[in-house]
Amino acid sequence: MVSDPVIQLKNICKIYRMGDAEVRAADGIDLTICENEMVAIIGQSGSGKSTCMNIIGCLDVPTSGTYYLKGQDVSCMSDDQQAEIRNRTLGFIFQQYNLIPKLSVLENVELPLIYKGIGERERRRRAEAALEKVGILSRKNNMPSQLSGGQQQRVSIARALAGDPSIILADEPTGALDSRTSAEVLQFLQQLNREGNTVVLITHDMEVAKQAKRIIRIADGKIIEDYPAEGGNRP
């Protein structure tokens, strides 16, 4: 059964001007990601993969081209409209965790729910459920500095899950972790995918990319390869 497209980039270009020079960070990208896929976008520093992620995550807008997120054209939306669809649809996991040091684990997970206007009791219920899902509910009253790197990344994942997003964007989620903890985080992302989440993994590491179902390689702002990660052959 063919799943519905949830992410569609059509001839996406992103051009930055640096003095007289023109940098094409994305150069005519066409990409479709369907519901419940787990896709790795791989490329070296400066390849354009972060630009691609920022556009997919409604954190940036393309210079030209069209972006459909769950069937809605978001490429020409206002900042407020993009923020609304981003909060409703997307969950973000970052390499550096982006936890607020002065807030407890529970408060960090609740924070995006405050921005959504969700009441205190429901916020706490959702945050505790997300922390339980990643196996760290017992540390809910700890501060981030009291946790290991792997535990902090689990809190970051719980924060992403608390908003009940259908799409998870994970930007180098294992970049600051040792190999054992990296494997645990990747296994958890695979589990989320099995449970129905669409997962887009941004990485420079082929061993990480191989944990996805599909690998998209970007270089010089262009997609140069797109093939199944398991049992598939490169085109």
C-alpha atoms as a PDB file:
ATOM      1  CA  MET A   1       0.000   0.000   0.000  1.00  0.00           C
ATOM      2  CA  VAL A   2       1.380   3.398  -1.007  1.00  0.00           C
ATOM      3  CA  SER A   3       1.382   5.972   1.799  1.00  0.00           C
ATOM      4  CA  ASP A   4       0.365   9.578   1.307  1.00  0.00           C
ATOM      5  CA  PRO A   5       3.131  12.168   0.823  1.00  0.00           C
ATOM      6  CA  VAL A   6       3.688  14.276   3.932  1.00  0.00           C
ATOM      7  CA  ILE A   7       6.721  16.261   2.681  1.00  0.00           C
ATOM      8  CA  GLN A   8       7.016  17.452  -0.920  1.00  0.00           C
ATOM      9  CA  LEU A   9       9.783  19.770  -2.077  1.00  0.00           C
ATOM     10  CA  LYS A  10       9.412  20.932  -5.674  1.00  0.00           C
ATOM     11  CA  ASN A  11      12.369  22.651  -7.370  1.00  0.00           C
ATOM     12  CA  ILE A  12      13.459  24.207  -4.067  1.00  0.00           C
ATOM     13  CA  CYS A  13      16.257  26.758  -4.257  1.00  0.00           C
ATOM     14  CA  LYS A  14      17.808  28.697  -1.393  1.00  0.00           C
ATOM     15  CA  ILE A  15      20.267  31.411  -2.384  1.00  0.00           C
ATOM     16  CA  TYR A  16      22.412  33.397   0.022  1.00  0.00           C
ATOM     17  CA  ARG A  17      24.359  36.449  -1.047  1.00  0.00           C
ATOM     18  CA  MET A  18      27.764  37.048   0.540  1.00  0.00           C
ATOM     19  CA  GLY A  19      29.027  40.334  -0.849  1.00  0.00           C
ATOM     20  CA  ASP A  20      29.171  39.868  -4.603  1.00  0.00           C
ATOM     21  CA  ALA A  21      29.114  36.072  -4.326  1.00  0.00           C
ATOM     22  CA  GLU A  22      25.992  33.924  -4.615  1.00  0.00           C
ATOM     23  CA  VAL A  23      25.754  30.688  -2.621  1.00  0.00           C
ATOM     24  CA  ARG A  24      23.133  28.174  -3.739  1.00  0.00           C
ATOM     25  CA  ALA A  25      22.626  26.197  -0.509  1.00  0.00           C
ATOM     26  CA  ALA A  26      19.729  24.349  -2.148  1.00  0.00           C
ATOM     27  CA  ASP A  27      19.772  24.099  -5.908  1.00  0.00           C
ATOM     28  CA  GLY A  28      16.613  22.693  -7.497  1.00  0.00           C
ATOM     29  CA  ILE A  29      15.760  20.037  -4.903  1.00  0.00           C
ATOM     30  CA  ASP A  30      12.826  17.710  -5.662  1.00  0.00           C
ATOM     31  CA  LEU A  31      11.965  15.394  -2.790  1.00  0.00           C
ATOM     32  CA  THR A  32       8.911  13.453  -1.633  1.00  0.00           C
ATOM     33  CA  ILE A  33       8.733  11.732   1.772  1.00  0.00           C
ATOM     34  CA  CYS A  34       5.665   9.642   2.520  1.00  0.00           C
ATOM     35  CA  GLU A  35       3.828   8.935   5.746  1.00  0.00           C
ATOM     36  CA  ASN A  36       5.629   6.496   8.075  1.00  0.00           C
ATOM     37  CA  GLU A  37       8.936   6.581   6.183  1.00  0.00           C
ATOM     38  CA  MET A  38      12.247   6.760   8.042  1.00  0.00           C
ATOM     39  CA  VAL A  39      14.583   8.733   5.816  1.00  0.00           C
ATOM     40  CA  ALA A  40      18.197   9.782   6.335  1.00  0.00           C
ATOM     41  CA  ILE A  41      19.433  12.925   4.580  1.00  0.00           C
ATOM     42  CA  ILE A  42      23.209  12.667   4.488  1.00  0.00           C
ATOM     43  CA  GLY A  43      25.894  15.093   3.392  1.00  0.00           C
ATOM     44  CA  GLN A  44      29.103  16.694   4.535  1.00  0.00           C
ATOM     45  CA  SER A  45      29.343  20.151   6.108  1.00  0.00           C
ATOM     46  CA  GLY A  46      28.263  22.741   3.549  1.00  0.00           C
ATOM     47  CA  SER A  47      26.422  20.197   1.383  1.00  0.00           C
ATOM     48  CA  GLY A  48      23.018  21.806   1.890  1.00  0.00           C
ATOM     49  CA  LYS A  49      21.506  19.175   4.188  1.00  0.00           C
ATOM     50  CA  SER A  50      20.963  21.660   7.046  1.00  0.00           C
ATOM     51  CA  THR A  51      19.323  24.129   4.668  1.00  0.00           C
ATOM     52  CA  CYS A  52      17.059  21.332   3.506  1.00  0.00           C
ATOM     53  CA  MET A  53      16.173  20.466   7.106  1.00  0.00           C
ATOM     54  CA  ASN A  54      15.454  24.101   7.972  1.00  0.00           C
ATOM     55  CA  ILE A  55      13.053  24.380   5.046  1.00  0.00           C
ATOM     56  CA  ILE A  56      11.354  21.063   5.885  1.00  0.00           C
ATOM     57  CA  GLY A  57      11.076  22.209   9.516  1.00  0.00           C
ATOM     58  CA  CYS A  58       9.513  25.570   8.561  1.00  0.00           C
ATOM     59  CA  LEU A  59      12.508  27.297  10.159  1.00  0.00           C
ATOM     60  CA  ASP A  60      13.445  28.946   6.861  1.00  0.00           C
ATOM     61  CA  VAL A  61      11.735  29.700   3.556  1.00  0.00           C
ATOM     62  CA  PRO A  62      13.045  28.881   0.082  1.00  0.00           C
ATOM     63  CA  THR A  63      14.138  31.575  -2.344  1.00  0.00           C
ATOM     64  CA  SER A  64      12.054  29.804  -4.990  1.00  0.00           C
ATOM     65  CA  GLY A  65      10.152  26.569  -5.422  1.00  0.00           C
ATOM     66  CA  THR A  66       7.220  25.087  -3.530  1.00  0.00           C
ATOM     67  CA  TYR A  67       7.026  23.124  -0.280  1.00  0.00           C
ATOM     68  CA  TYR A  68       3.935  21.133   0.670  1.00  0.00           C
ATOM     69  CA  LEU A  69       3.694  19.886   4.262  1.00  0.00           C
ATOM     70  CA  LYS A  70       0.831  17.397   4.642  1.00  0.00           C
ATOM     71  CA  GLY A  71      -0.746  18.865   1.521  1.00  0.00           C
ATOM     72  CA  GLN A  72      -0.477  22.509   2.571  1.00  0.00           C
ATOM     73  CA  ASP A  73       1.710  24.943   0.629  1.00  0.00           C
ATOM     74  CA  VAL A  74       3.882  26.372   3.402  1.00  0.00           C
ATOM     75  CA  SER A  75       6.498  28.007   1.164  1.00  0.00           C
ATOM     76  CA  CYS A  76       4.543  31.262   0.992  1.00  0.00           C
ATOM     77  CA  MET A  77       3.024  31.280   4.491  1.00  0.00           C
ATOM     78  CA  SER A  78       3.659  34.080   6.970  1.00  0.00           C
ATOM     79  CA  ASP A  79       5.975  33.473   9.950  1.00  0.00           C
ATOM     80  CA  ASP A  80       2.973  33.058  12.263  1.00  0.00           C
ATOM     81  CA  GLN A  81       1.304  30.571   9.928  1.00  0.00           C
ATOM     82  CA  GLN A  82       4.516  28.584   9.615  1.00  0.00           C
ATOM     83  CA  ALA A  83       4.939  28.593  13.399  1.00  0.00           C
ATOM     84  CA  GLU A  84       1.407  27.238  13.826  1.00  0.00           C
ATOM     85  CA  ILE A  85       1.828  24.336  11.397  1.00  0.00           C
ATOM     86  CA  ARG A  86       5.321  23.646  12.770  1.00  0.00           C
ATOM     87  CA  ASN A  87       4.012  23.377  16.340  1.00  0.00           C
ATOM     88  CA  ARG A  88       1.112  21.185  15.257  1.00  0.00           C
ATOM     89  CA  THR A  89       2.962  18.789  12.950  1.00  0.00           C
ATOM     90  CA  LEU A  90       6.697  18.658  13.703  1.00  0.00           C
ATOM     91  CA  GLY A  91       8.870  17.517  16.598  1.00  0.00           C
ATOM     92  CA  PHE A  92      12.567  18.494  16.691  1.00  0.00           C
ATOM     93  CA  ILE A  93      15.534  16.632  18.159  1.00  0.00           C
ATOM     94  CA  PHE A  94      18.891  18.442  18.069  1.00  0.00           C
ATOM     95  CA  GLN A  95      22.513  17.389  18.526  1.00  0.00           C
ATOM     96  CA  GLN A  96      23.078  19.735  21.477  1.00  0.00           C
ATOM     97  CA  TYR A  97      19.772  18.853  23.207  1.00  0.00           C
ATOM     98  CA  ASN A  98      18.846  22.573  23.635  1.00  0.00           C
ATOM     99  CA  LEU A  99      17.626  22.039  27.198  1.00  0.00           C
ATOM    100  CA  ILE A 100      17.252  25.070  29.460  1.00  0.00           C
ATOM    101  CA  PRO A 101      19.683  24.620  32.397  1.00  0.00           C
ATOM    102  CA  LYS A 102      17.535  26.436  34.977  1.00  0.00           C
ATOM    103  CA  LEU A 103      14.447  24.298  34.306  1.00  0.00           C
ATOM    104  CA  SER A 104      13.884  20.773  35.591  1.00  0.00           C
ATOM    105  CA  VAL A 105      13.538  17.834  33.221  1.00  0.00           C
ATOM    106  CA  LEU A 106       9.735  17.968  33.524  1.00  0.00           C
ATOM    107  CA  GLU A 107       9.650  21.736  32.963  1.00  0.00           C
ATOM    108  CA  ASN A 108      11.829  21.404  29.858  1.00  0.00           C
ATOM    109  CA  VAL A 109       9.427  18.867  28.350  1.00  0.00           C
ATOM    110  CA  GLU A 110       6.417  21.027  29.261  1.00  0.00           C
ATOM    111  CA  LEU A 111       7.850  24.184  27.682  1.00  0.00           C
ATOM    112  CA  PRO A 112       6.583  23.747  24.081  1.00  0.00           C
ATOM    113  CA  LEU A 113       3.158  22.846  25.464  1.00  0.00           C
ATOM    114  CA  ILE A 114       3.033  26.208  27.240  1.00  0.00           C
ATOM    115  CA  TYR A 115       3.560  27.909  23.869  1.00  0.00           C
ATOM    116  CA  LYS A 116       0.622  25.884  22.543  1.00  0.00           C
ATOM    117  CA  GLY A 117      -1.602  27.243  25.320  1.00  0.00           C
ATOM    118  CA  ILE A 118      -2.205  23.844  26.926  1.00  0.00           C
ATOM    119  CA  GLY A 119      -3.395  23.947  30.545  1.00  0.00           C
ATOM    120  CA  GLU A 120      -1.172  22.996  33.471  1.00  0.00           C
ATOM    121  CA  ARG A 121      -2.767  19.638  34.313  1.00  0.00           C
ATOM    122  CA  GLU A 122      -2.796  18.430  30.695  1.00  0.00           C
ATOM    123  CA  ARG A 123       0.772  19.713  30.202  1.00  0.00           C
ATOM    124  CA  ARG A 124       1.995  17.671  33.118  1.00  0.00           C
ATOM    125  CA  ARG A 125       0.128  14.559  31.970  1.00  0.00           C
ATOM    126  CA  ARG A 126       1.597  14.765  28.474  1.00  0.00           C
ATOM    127  CA  ALA A 127       5.111  15.556  29.706  1.00  0.00           C
ATOM    128  CA  GLU A 128       5.124  12.673  32.191  1.00  0.00           C
ATOM    129  CA  ALA A 129       3.769  10.264  29.560  1.00  0.00           C
ATOM    130  CA  ALA A 130       6.535  11.314  27.143  1.00  0.00           C
ATOM    131  CA  LEU A 131       9.226  10.918  29.807  1.00  0.00           C
ATOM    132  CA  GLU A 132       7.875   7.481  30.702  1.00  0.00           C
ATOM    133  CA  LYS A 133       7.989   6.495  27.031  1.00  0.00           C
ATOM    134  CA  VAL A 134      11.713   7.275  26.818  1.00  0.00           C
ATOM    135  CA  GLY A 135      12.390   5.588  30.170  1.00  0.00           C
ATOM    136  CA  ILE A 136      13.421   8.619  32.190  1.00  0.00           C
ATOM    137  CA  LEU A 137      10.325   9.576  34.199  1.00  0.00           C
ATOM    138  CA  SER A 138      12.176   8.849  37.475  1.00  0.00           C
ATOM    139  CA  ARG A 139      14.500  11.799  36.730  1.00  0.00           C
ATOM    140  CA  LYS A 140      11.715  14.315  36.085  1.00  0.00           C
ATOM    141  CA  ASN A 141      12.723  16.580  38.985  1.00  0.00           C
ATOM    142  CA  ASN A 142      16.434  16.574  38.120  1.00  0.00           C
ATOM    143  CA  MET A 143      18.165  19.461  36.391  1.00  0.00           C
ATOM    144  CA  PRO A 144      19.798  18.838  32.987  1.00  0.00           C
ATOM    145  CA  SER A 145      23.289  19.175  34.494  1.00  0.00           C
ATOM    146  CA  GLN A 146      22.561  16.140  36.680  1.00  0.00           C
ATOM    147  CA  LEU A 147      22.022  13.896  33.649  1.00  0.00           C
ATOM    148  CA  SER A 148      24.376  12.108  31.271  1.00  0.00           C
ATOM    149  CA  GLY A 149      24.469  13.082  27.595  1.00  0.00           C
ATOM    150  CA  GLY A 150      22.316  10.109  26.666  1.00  0.00           C
ATOM    151  CA  GLN A 151      19.760  10.986  29.328  1.00  0.00           C
ATOM    152  CA  GLN A 152      19.655  14.603  28.150  1.00  0.00           C
ATOM    153  CA  GLN A 153      19.001  13.411  24.593  1.00  0.00           C
ATOM    154  CA  ARG A 154      16.140  11.268  25.908  1.00  0.00           C
ATOM    155  CA  VAL A 155      14.671  14.387  27.516  1.00  0.00           C
ATOM    156  CA  SER A 156      15.044  16.157  24.169  1.00  0.00           C
ATOM    157  CA  ILE A 157      13.160  13.290  22.493  1.00  0.00           C
ATOM    158  CA  ALA A 158      10.448  13.411  25.174  1.00  0.00           C
ATOM    159  CA  ARG A 159      10.066  17.155  24.583  1.00  0.00           C
ATOM    160  CA  ALA A 160       9.587  16.477  20.866  1.00  0.00           C
ATOM    161  CA  LEU A 161       7.027  13.733  21.569  1.00  0.00           C
ATOM    162  CA  ALA A 162       4.969  15.677  24.111  1.00  0.00           C
ATOM    163  CA  GLY A 163       3.357  17.743  21.353  1.00  0.00           C
ATOM    164  CA  ASP A 164       2.219  14.528  19.598  1.00  0.00           C
ATOM    165  CA  PRO A 165       3.840  15.378  16.238  1.00  0.00           C
ATOM    166  CA  SER A 166       3.365  13.144  13.195  1.00  0.00           C
ATOM    167  CA  ILE A 167       6.830  14.022  11.826  1.00  0.00           C
ATOM    168  CA  ILE A 168      10.095  13.880  13.798  1.00  0.00           C
ATOM    169  CA  LEU A 169      13.090  15.864  12.499  1.00  0.00           C
ATOM    170  CA  ALA A 170      16.311  14.664  14.112  1.00  0.00           C
ATOM    171  CA  ASP A 171      19.343  16.851  13.348  1.00  0.00           C
ATOM    172  CA  GLU A 172      22.579  14.927  14.093  1.00  0.00           C
ATOM    173  CA  PRO A 173      20.863  13.391  17.166  1.00  0.00           C
ATOM    174  CA  THR A 174      23.852  11.155  17.994  1.00  0.00           C
ATOM    175  CA  GLY A 175      26.595  13.676  17.217  1.00  0.00           C
ATOM    176  CA  ALA A 176      27.480  14.343  20.863  1.00  0.00           C
ATOM    177  CA  LEU A 177      27.038  10.764  22.126  1.00  0.00           C
ATOM    178  CA  ASP A 178      29.285   7.712  22.506  1.00  0.00           C
ATOM    179  CA  SER A 179      28.671   4.714  20.252  1.00  0.00           C
ATOM    180  CA  ARG A 180      26.636   2.702  22.771  1.00  0.00           C
ATOM    181  CA  THR A 181      24.334   5.599  23.637  1.00  0.00           C
ATOM    182  CA  SER A 182      24.070   6.522  19.939  1.00  0.00           C
ATOM    183  CA  ALA A 183      22.802   3.013  19.196  1.00  0.00           C
ATOM    184  CA  GLU A 184      20.153   3.344  21.931  1.00  0.00           C
ATOM    185  CA  VAL A 185      18.917   6.675  20.544  1.00  0.00           C
ATOM    186  CA  LEU A 186      18.749   5.291  16.992  1.00  0.00           C
ATOM    187  CA  GLN A 187      16.844   2.236  18.214  1.00  0.00           C
ATOM    188  CA  PHE A 188      14.375   4.541  19.893  1.00  0.00           C
ATOM    189  CA  LEU A 189      13.884   6.554  16.674  1.00  0.00           C
ATOM    190  CA  GLN A 190      13.292   3.272  14.824  1.00  0.00           C
ATOM    191  CA  GLN A 191      10.694   2.330  17.441  1.00  0.00           C
ATOM    192  CA  LEU A 192       8.909   5.674  16.942  1.00  0.00           C
ATOM    193  CA  ASN A 193       8.873   4.970  13.219  1.00  0.00           C
ATOM    194  CA  ARG A 194       7.374   1.514  13.791  1.00  0.00           C
ATOM    195  CA  GLU A 195       4.678   3.175  15.899  1.00  0.00           C
ATOM    196  CA  GLY A 196       3.668   5.388  12.971  1.00  0.00           C
ATOM    197  CA  ASN A 197       5.846   8.499  13.109  1.00  0.00           C
ATOM    198  CA  THR A 198       7.549   9.768   9.978  1.00  0.00           C
ATOM    199  CA  VAL A 199      11.227  10.243  10.896  1.00  0.00           C
ATOM    200  CA  VAL A 200      13.680  12.443   8.974  1.00  0.00           C
ATOM    201  CA  LEU A 201      17.249  11.974  10.178  1.00  0.00           C
ATOM    202  CA  ILE A 202      19.905  14.547   9.232  1.00  0.00           C
ATOM    203  CA  THR A 203      23.467  13.239   9.498  1.00  0.00           C
ATOM    204  CA  HIS A 204      26.968  13.265   8.023  1.00  0.00           C
ATOM    205  CA  ASP A 205      27.626   9.699   9.221  1.00  0.00           C
ATOM    206  CA  MET A 206      26.839   6.802   6.861  1.00  0.00           C
ATOM    207  CA  GLU A 207      26.664   4.294   9.738  1.00  0.00           C
ATOM    208  CA  VAL A 208      23.896   6.414  11.280  1.00  0.00           C
ATOM    209  CA  ALA A 209      22.161   6.848   7.912  1.00  0.00           C
ATOM    210  CA  LYS A 210      22.054   3.072   7.408  1.00  0.00           C
ATOM    211  CA  GLN A 211      19.678   2.797  10.370  1.00  0.00           C
ATOM    212  CA  ALA A 212      16.970   4.501   8.275  1.00  0.00           C
ATOM    213  CA  LYS A 213      14.906   2.816   5.551  1.00  0.00           C
ATOM    214  CA  ARG A 214      15.961   5.215   2.790  1.00  0.00           C
ATOM    215  CA  ILE A 215      19.094   7.287   2.234  1.00  0.00           C
ATOM    216  CA  ILE A 216      19.176  10.613   0.388  1.00  0.00           C
ATOM    217  CA  ARG A 217      22.636  12.025  -0.271  1.00  0.00           C
ATOM    218  CA  ILE A 218      23.076  15.763  -0.842  1.00  0.00           C
ATOM    219  CA  ALA A 219      26.136  17.550  -2.240  1.00  0.00           C
ATOM    220  CA  ASP A 220      26.494  21.130  -3.476  1.00  0.00           C
ATOM    221  CA  GLY A 221      22.820  21.794  -2.770  1.00  0.00           C
ATOM    222  CA  LYS A 222      21.613  18.945  -5.000  1.00  0.00           C
ATOM    223  CA  ILE A 223      20.295  15.427  -4.368  1.00  0.00           C
ATOM    224  CA  ILE A 224      22.847  13.100  -5.944  1.00  0.00           C
ATOM    225  CA  GLU A 225      21.593   9.733  -4.631  1.00  0.00           C
ATOM    226  CA  ASP A 226      18.276   8.379  -3.303  1.00  0.00           C
ATOM    227  CA  TYR A 227      18.070   4.651  -2.535  1.00  0.00           C
ATOM    228  CA  PRO A 228      16.723   2.108   0.004  1.00  0.00           C
ATOM    229  CA  ALA A 229      19.015   1.641   2.989  1.00  0.00           C
ATOM    230  CA  GLU A 230      18.329  -2.089   3.497  1.00  0.00           C
ATOM    231  CA  GLY A 231      18.668  -4.601   0.718  1.00  0.00           C
ATOM    232  CA  GLY A 232      18.469  -1.961  -1.982  1.00  0.00           C
ATOM    233  CA  ASN A 233      20.900  -1.059  -4.706  1.00  0.00           C
ATOM    234  CA  ARG A 234      22.056   2.425  -5.524  1.00  0.00           C
ATOM    235  CA  PRO A 235      20.749   3.793  -8.794  1.00  0.00           C
END
